[in-house]
């Protein structure tokens, strides 16, 4: 009886091996599903990027406004008789208070 039980368990293990670790096994299928999901996500990102490029191409083909905007932002060009003002903002985190800085509430 021991030999029969051991033989049946061995047979079950041998039959289960291809299901789990074989060429078309469960683990391989799970890995392929993850690969497909990652590829699908990457394709969506690339499609969004392509849509932005196509919109920019259409703007450049149809009018001069996009070309003028591009020349101003990328090349720093200005129109004739035009004055360019550049505003530089500093954030409060970058400023250091002076050494004699007094608190608003001296009780603290």
Protein backbone atom coordinates (compact mmCIF):
# COMPACT_ATOMS: atom_id res chain seq x y z
CA UNK A 1 0.00 0.00 0.00
CA UNK A 2 2.92 2.32 0.76
CA UNK A 3 4.31 1.77 -2.72
CA UNK A 4 0.96 2.52 -4.35
CA UNK A 5 0.57 5.78 -2.38
CA UNK A 6 4.12 6.85 -3.16
CA UNK A 7 3.62 6.01 -6.84
CA UNK A 8 0.37 8.01 -7.04
CA UNK A 9 1.92 11.03 -5.29
CA UNK A 10 4.93 10.87 -7.62
CA UNK A 11 2.60 10.65 -10.62
CA UNK A 12 0.63 13.70 -9.43
CA UNK A 13 3.86 15.65 -8.94
CA UNK A 14 5.12 14.65 -12.38
CA UNK A 15 1.83 15.72 -13.98
CA UNK A 16 1.77 19.04 -12.09
CA UNK A 17 5.32 20.04 -13.06
CA UNK A 18 4.47 21.18 -16.63
CA UNK A 19 1.46 23.08 -15.30
CA UNK A 20 3.62 25.19 -13.00
CA UNK A 21 7.08 25.32 -14.57
CA UNK A 22 6.67 24.14 -18.18
CA UNK A 23 6.81 26.11 -21.41
CA UNK A 24 3.16 27.18 -21.15
CA UNK A 25 2.99 26.95 -17.38
CA UNK A 26 1.16 29.16 -14.95
CA UNK A 27 4.25 31.14 -13.93
CA UNK A 28 5.18 31.84 -17.56
CA UNK A 29 1.63 32.99 -18.33
CA UNK A 30 1.66 35.32 -15.34
CA UNK A 31 4.98 36.83 -16.47
CA UNK A 32 3.64 37.33 -20.00
CA UNK A 33 0.52 39.06 -18.66
CA UNK A 34 2.73 41.49 -16.74
CA UNK A 35 4.79 42.14 -19.86
CA UNK A 36 1.65 42.80 -21.90
CA UNK A 37 0.34 45.25 -19.27
CA UNK A 38 3.67 47.12 -19.19
CA UNK A 39 3.80 47.30 -22.98
CA UNK A 40 0.21 48.53 -23.14
CA UNK A 41 0.99 51.28 -20.63
CA UNK A 42 4.08 52.32 -22.59
CA UNK A 43 2.04 52.39 -25.82
CA UNK A 44 -0.51 54.74 -24.22
CA UNK A 45 2.24 57.11 -23.15
CA UNK A 46 3.75 57.06 -26.64
CA UNK A 47 0.33 57.69 -28.23
CA UNK A 48 -0.18 60.73 -25.97
CA UNK A 49 3.26 62.04 -26.91
CA UNK A 50 2.51 61.51 -30.62
CA UNK A 51 -0.79 63.37 -30.30
CA UNK A 52 1.06 66.34 -28.80
CA UNK A 53 3.60 66.26 -31.63
CA UNK A 54 0.87 66.07 -34.29
CA UNK A 55 -0.94 69.02 -32.73
CA UNK A 56 2.29 71.03 -32.74
CA UNK A 57 2.96 70.08 -36.37
CA UNK A 58 -0.54 71.22 -37.38
CA UNK A 59 -0.04 74.51 -35.53
CA UNK A 60 3.25 75.09 -37.32
CA UNK A 61 1.72 74.26 -40.71
CA UNK A 62 -1.43 76.36 -40.34
CA UNK A 63 -0.25 79.65 -38.91
CA UNK A 64 2.56 81.92 -37.98
CA UNK A 65 1.52 82.30 -34.33
CA UNK A 66 3.13 79.03 -33.32
CA UNK A 67 6.31 79.85 -35.24
CA UNK A 68 6.47 83.27 -33.60
CA UNK A 69 5.93 81.76 -30.16
CA UNK A 70 8.65 79.20 -30.79
CA UNK A 71 11.09 81.90 -31.94
CA UNK A 72 10.36 83.99 -28.85
CA UNK A 73 10.67 81.18 -26.30
CA UNK A 74 13.47 79.08 -27.81
CA UNK A 75 15.60 81.68 -29.57
CA UNK A 76 14.80 84.75 -27.46
CA UNK A 77 13.78 86.79 -30.51
CA UNK A 78 11.79 90.03 -30.23
CA UNK A 79 9.86 92.09 -32.76
CA UNK A 80 11.10 95.34 -34.20
CA UNK A 81 10.62 98.30 -31.78
CA UNK A 82 9.73 95.89 -28.98
CA UNK A 83 11.24 95.97 -25.49
CA UNK A 84 11.77 92.74 -23.58
CA UNK A 85 11.29 92.74 -19.81
CA UNK A 86 12.54 89.71 -17.92
CA UNK A 87 11.11 89.24 -14.42
CA UNK A 88 13.14 87.12 -12.03
CA UNK A 89 11.28 85.93 -8.96
CA UNK A 90 12.95 84.73 -5.81
CA UNK A 91 11.21 82.29 -3.54
CA UNK A 92 10.91 83.04 0.20
CA UNK A 93 12.71 79.79 1.04
CA UNK A 94 15.90 81.09 -0.61
CA UNK A 95 15.98 84.36 1.33
CA UNK A 96 17.86 84.52 4.61
CA UNK A 97 16.67 86.96 7.27
CA UNK A 98 19.22 89.51 8.47
CA UNK A 99 21.13 88.89 11.69
CA UNK A 100 19.21 91.55 13.59
CA UNK A 101 15.83 90.10 12.53
CA UNK A 102 13.27 90.64 15.32
CA UNK A 103 10.19 88.50 15.82
CA UNK A 104 6.76 90.03 15.47
CA UNK A 105 5.71 88.70 18.87
CA UNK A 106 8.52 89.23 21.43
CA UNK A 107 6.67 87.14 24.04
CA UNK A 108 7.67 83.92 22.26
